[in-house]
N, C-alpha and C. Protein backbone atom coordinates (compact mmCIF):
# COMPACT_ATOMS: atom_id res chain seq x y z
N MET A 1 0.65 -1.14 -0.37
CA MET A 1 0.10 -0.02 -0.07
C MET A 1 1.13 1.23 -0.10
N PRO A 2 0.43 2.49 -0.69
CA PRO A 2 1.43 3.36 -1.32
C PRO A 2 1.31 4.29 0.32
N ILE A 3 2.48 5.02 0.39
CA ILE A 3 2.22 5.89 1.61
C ILE A 3 2.45 7.45 0.66
N TYR A 4 1.07 8.22 1.23
CA TYR A 4 1.08 9.37 0.67
C TYR A 4 1.39 10.73 1.55
N GLU A 5 2.18 11.59 1.12
CA GLU A 5 2.14 12.71 2.12
C GLU A 5 1.37 14.19 1.90
N TYR A 6 0.74 14.75 2.66
CA TYR A 6 0.23 15.77 2.68
C TYR A 6 0.60 17.08 3.67
N GLU A 7 0.53 18.22 2.90
CA GLU A 7 0.88 19.33 3.56
C GLU A 7 -0.10 20.32 3.69
N CYS A 8 -0.51 21.18 4.82
CA CYS A 8 -1.39 22.54 4.93
C CYS A 8 -0.76 23.38 4.24
N GLU A 9 -1.78 23.89 3.16
CA GLU A 9 -1.37 25.37 2.70
C GLU A 9 -1.49 26.39 3.71
N LYS A 10 -2.53 26.37 4.73
CA LYS A 10 -2.66 27.27 5.52
C LYS A 10 -1.32 27.54 6.90
N CYS A 11 -1.22 25.89 7.72
CA CYS A 11 -0.23 25.89 8.50
C CYS A 11 0.76 25.23 8.75
N GLY A 12 1.12 24.48 7.63
CA GLY A 12 2.19 23.59 7.40
C GLY A 12 2.41 22.63 7.71
N HIS A 13 1.11 21.83 8.36
CA HIS A 13 1.33 20.58 9.00
C HIS A 13 1.36 19.64 8.00
N ARG A 14 2.21 18.51 8.18
CA ARG A 14 2.75 17.41 7.25
C ARG A 14 2.03 16.54 8.03
N VAL A 15 1.13 15.39 7.04
CA VAL A 15 0.90 14.15 7.77
C VAL A 15 0.89 13.14 6.38
N GLU A 16 1.36 11.61 6.88
CA GLU A 16 1.85 10.80 6.04
C GLU A 16 0.31 9.71 6.19
N ARG A 17 -0.14 9.52 4.97
CA ARG A 17 -0.98 8.38 4.94
C ARG A 17 -0.60 7.61 4.43
N PHE A 18 -1.06 5.91 4.93
CA PHE A 18 -1.24 4.48 4.11
C PHE A 18 -2.76 4.88 3.16
N GLN A 19 -2.46 4.51 1.95
CA GLN A 19 -3.39 4.69 1.78
C GLN A 19 -3.84 3.70 0.28
N ASN A 20 -4.78 3.18 0.03
CA ASN A 20 -5.29 1.97 -1.18
C ASN A 20 -5.18 3.25 -2.41
N LEU A 21 -4.97 2.54 -3.80
CA LEU A 21 -5.37 3.47 -4.85
C LEU A 21 -6.84 4.08 -4.54
N GLN A 22 -7.55 3.16 -4.23
CA GLN A 22 -9.19 3.83 -4.58
C GLN A 22 -9.49 4.51 -3.12
N ASP A 23 -8.84 4.71 -2.13
CA ASP A 23 -9.04 5.54 -1.07
C ASP A 23 -9.18 6.78 -1.48
N GLU A 24 -9.95 7.64 -0.72
CA GLU A 24 -10.20 9.09 -1.57
C GLU A 24 -8.99 9.96 -0.48
N GLU A 25 -8.50 10.99 -1.34
CA GLU A 25 -7.58 11.69 -0.90
C GLU A 25 -7.90 12.88 0.08
N VAL A 26 -6.85 13.32 1.27
CA VAL A 26 -7.08 14.15 2.27
C VAL A 26 -7.07 15.25 1.61
N LYS A 27 -8.10 16.26 1.79
CA LYS A 27 -8.52 17.51 1.18
C LYS A 27 -8.29 18.82 2.31
N ILE A 28 -8.97 18.40 3.84
CA ILE A 28 -8.46 19.22 4.59
C ILE A 28 -7.89 18.81 5.55
N CYS A 29 -6.99 19.89 6.35
CA CYS A 29 -6.00 19.73 7.62
C CYS A 29 -6.69 19.38 8.81
N GLU A 30 -6.43 18.38 9.53
CA GLU A 30 -6.76 17.83 10.75
C GLU A 30 -6.64 18.53 11.82
N LYS A 31 -5.51 19.60 11.59
CA LYS A 31 -5.44 20.41 12.84
C LYS A 31 -5.89 21.75 12.77
N CYS A 32 -6.15 22.75 11.40
CA CYS A 32 -6.82 23.56 11.32
C CYS A 32 -7.92 23.94 10.62
N GLY A 33 -7.88 22.73 9.30
CA GLY A 33 -9.30 22.82 8.53
C GLY A 33 -8.85 23.73 7.14
N GLY A 34 -7.74 23.67 7.25
CA GLY A 34 -7.40 24.41 5.72
C GLY A 34 -7.02 23.39 4.81
N PRO A 35 -7.13 23.87 3.43
CA PRO A 35 -6.94 23.05 2.17
C PRO A 35 -5.49 22.37 2.33
N VAL A 36 -5.80 21.05 2.09
CA VAL A 36 -3.83 20.27 1.80
C VAL A 36 -3.67 20.31 0.61
N ARG A 37 -2.52 20.03 0.12
CA ARG A 37 -1.88 19.48 -1.03
C ARG A 37 -1.40 18.15 -0.81
N ARG A 38 -1.27 17.16 -1.90
CA ARG A 38 -0.06 16.03 -1.73
C ARG A 38 1.09 16.39 -2.46
N LEU A 39 2.02 15.90 -1.61
CA LEU A 39 3.52 16.31 -2.13
C LEU A 39 4.05 14.61 -2.96
N ILE A 40 5.04 14.95 -3.48
CA ILE A 40 5.70 14.09 -4.03
C ILE A 40 7.18 14.02 -3.10
N SER A 41 7.13 13.09 -2.30
CA SER A 41 8.27 12.35 -1.64
C SER A 41 9.30 11.73 -2.74
N ARG A 42 10.51 11.72 -1.53
CA ARG A 42 11.42 10.86 -2.00
C ARG A 42 10.70 9.35 -1.72
N THR A 43 11.52 8.28 -2.47
CA THR A 43 11.18 6.83 -2.42
C THR A 43 12.61 6.29 -2.15
N ALA A 44 12.22 5.26 -0.98
CA ALA A 44 13.25 4.38 -1.09
C ALA A 44 13.75 3.44 -2.55
N PHE A 45 14.97 3.09 -3.11
CA PHE A 45 14.90 2.88 -5.07
C PHE A 45 16.21 2.27 -4.74
N VAL A 46 16.05 0.62 -5.00
CA VAL A 46 17.32 -0.21 -4.90
C VAL A 46 17.45 -0.40 -6.43
N LEU A 47 18.55 -0.74 -6.89
CA LEU A 47 18.64 -1.32 -8.18
C LEU A 47 19.61 -2.62 -7.63
N LYS A 48 18.85 -3.78 -7.89
CA LYS A 48 19.56 -4.90 -8.07
C LYS A 48 19.76 -5.91 -9.02
N GLY A 49 21.08 -6.49 -9.36
CA GLY A 49 21.62 -7.55 -10.07
C GLY A 49 22.56 -6.71 -11.08
N SER A 50 22.98 -7.23 -12.02
CA SER A 50 24.39 -7.05 -12.42
C SER A 50 24.46 -5.93 -13.38
N GLY A 51 25.18 -5.31 -13.78
CA GLY A 51 25.12 -3.91 -14.77
C GLY A 51 24.72 -2.54 -14.61
N TRP A 52 24.15 -2.74 -13.46
CA TRP A 52 23.81 -1.09 -13.13
C TRP A 52 24.78 -0.21 -12.84
N TYR A 53 25.75 -0.25 -12.48
CA TYR A 53 26.99 0.35 -12.33
C TYR A 53 28.47 -0.42 -12.36
N LEU A 54 29.17 0.52 -13.11
CA LEU A 54 31.02 -0.23 -13.48
C LEU A 54 31.41 -0.73 -12.27
N THR A 55 30.97 -0.09 -11.06
CA THR A 55 31.74 -0.32 -9.98
C THR A 55 31.21 -1.19 -9.10
N ASP A 56 29.92 -1.93 -9.78
CA ASP A 56 29.37 -2.76 -8.87
C ASP A 56 29.81 -4.53 -9.76
N HIS A 57 30.64 -4.76 -8.57
CA HIS A 57 30.89 -6.32 -8.86
C HIS A 57 31.59 -6.75 -10.25
N PRO A 58 32.73 -5.82 -10.42
CA PRO A 58 33.36 -5.87 -11.79
C PRO A 58 34.24 -7.41 -11.92
N SER A 59 34.02 -7.98 -13.22
CA SER A 59 34.70 -9.23 -13.48
C SER A 59 36.19 -8.71 -13.23
N LYS A 60 36.95 -10.01 -13.44
CA LYS A 60 38.46 -9.75 -13.31
C LYS A 60 38.98 -8.59 -14.08
N SER A 61 38.69 -8.82 -15.77
CA SER A 61 39.14 -8.32 -16.41
C SER A 61 38.87 -6.66 -16.59
N ARG A 62 37.60 -6.34 -16.23
CA ARG A 62 37.16 -5.52 -16.08
C ARG A 62 37.85 -4.61 -14.53
N LYS A 63 38.03 -5.29 -13.22
CA LYS A 63 38.81 -4.75 -12.56
C LYS A 63 40.33 -4.22 -13.15
N GLU A 64 41.07 -5.10 -14.05
CA GLU A 64 42.06 -4.96 -14.43
C GLU A 64 42.10 -3.31 -15.71
N GLY A 65 41.20 -3.47 -16.34
CA GLY A 65 40.97 -2.38 -16.93
C GLY A 65 40.75 -1.03 -16.18
N MET A 66 39.92 -1.44 -15.18
CA MET A 66 40.04 0.20 -14.39
C MET A 66 41.01 0.63 -13.92
N LYS A 67 41.88 0.00 -13.35
CA LYS A 67 43.28 -0.09 -12.96
C LYS A 67 44.11 0.92 -14.09
N ALA A 68 44.02 -0.02 -15.25
CA ALA A 68 44.61 1.00 -16.28
C ALA A 68 43.98 2.32 -16.48
N GLU A 69 42.76 2.22 -16.57
CA GLU A 69 42.32 3.53 -16.75
C GLU A 69 42.59 4.62 -15.70
N LYS A 70 42.69 4.40 -14.44
CA LYS A 70 43.15 5.28 -13.64
C LYS A 70 44.97 5.75 -13.75
N LYS A 71 45.50 4.61 -14.57
CA LYS A 71 46.70 5.27 -14.26
C LYS A 71 46.88 6.19 -15.46
N THR A 72 46.22 5.75 -16.87
CA THR A 72 46.15 6.77 -17.74
C THR A 72 45.63 8.03 -17.56
N GLU A 73 44.80 8.11 -16.98
CA GLU A 73 44.07 9.14 -16.53
C GLU A 73 44.73 10.39 -15.40
N GLY A 74 45.72 10.03 -14.73
CA GLY A 74 46.19 10.98 -13.60
C GLY A 74 47.72 10.71 -13.53
N GLY A 75 48.11 9.31 -14.38
CA GLY A 75 49.34 9.10 -14.26
C GLY A 75 49.62 8.20 -13.22
N GLU A 76 48.85 8.31 -12.11
CA GLU A 76 48.95 7.74 -10.71
C GLU A 76 47.58 7.18 -10.18
N THR A 77 47.86 6.06 -9.59
CA THR A 77 46.68 5.52 -8.89
C THR A 77 46.22 5.90 -7.52
N LYS A 78 45.28 6.24 -6.99
CA LYS A 78 44.59 7.02 -6.03
C LYS A 78 45.46 6.89 -5.03
N GLY A 79 45.98 5.53 -4.46
CA GLY A 79 46.95 5.36 -3.39
C GLY A 79 48.18 6.11 -3.53
N GLU A 80 48.92 5.76 -5.02
CA GLU A 80 50.17 6.57 -4.66
C GLU A 80 50.19 8.15 -4.71
N LYS A 81 49.08 8.45 -5.57
CA LYS A 81 48.59 10.41 -5.16
C LYS A 81 48.99 10.52 -3.69
N GLY A 82 47.99 9.76 -2.96
CA GLY A 82 48.01 10.30 -1.58
C GLY A 82 49.31 10.14 -0.74
N LYS A 83 49.78 9.15 -1.34
CA LYS A 83 51.61 8.67 -0.41
C LYS A 83 52.00 9.90 -0.97
N LYS A 84 52.33 10.59 -2.32
CA LYS A 84 53.09 11.73 -2.78
C LYS A 84 52.59 13.12 -2.13
N GLU A 85 51.59 13.25 -1.67
CA GLU A 85 50.95 14.17 -1.28
C GLU A 85 51.49 14.47 0.53
N LYS A 86 51.30 13.11 1.06
CA LYS A 86 51.60 13.21 2.36
C LYS A 86 53.39 13.63 2.08
N SER A 87 54.18 12.80 1.64
CA SER A 87 55.63 13.27 1.51
C SER A 87 55.93 14.64 1.10
N GLU A 88 55.06 15.18 -0.07
CA GLU A 88 55.51 16.72 0.11
C GLU A 88 54.85 17.44 1.22
N THR A 89 53.90 17.26 2.01
CA THR A 89 53.89 18.21 3.46
C THR A 89 54.51 17.91 4.24
N THR A 90 55.21 16.72 4.56
CA THR A 90 55.99 16.40 5.82
C THR A 90 57.49 16.71 5.56
């Protein structure tokens, strides 16, 4: 069942409701009686499975390719860069 969030246009009171699609929308604020509007809220969204991101469980050949890309982009890997910066500051 979806969760809908409403906000009163008069007093700013917010409320969440578990509602079926057939249920009537909330139209009046329970605190002040003013008009309410339904908000669009962020949802929990999880991508599962392979292939969504390059960094998700790459194959052995992909890991080697990623290391090669890092070296050609900056000339150094991230770890080597950090070591070099530390030695220059001390």
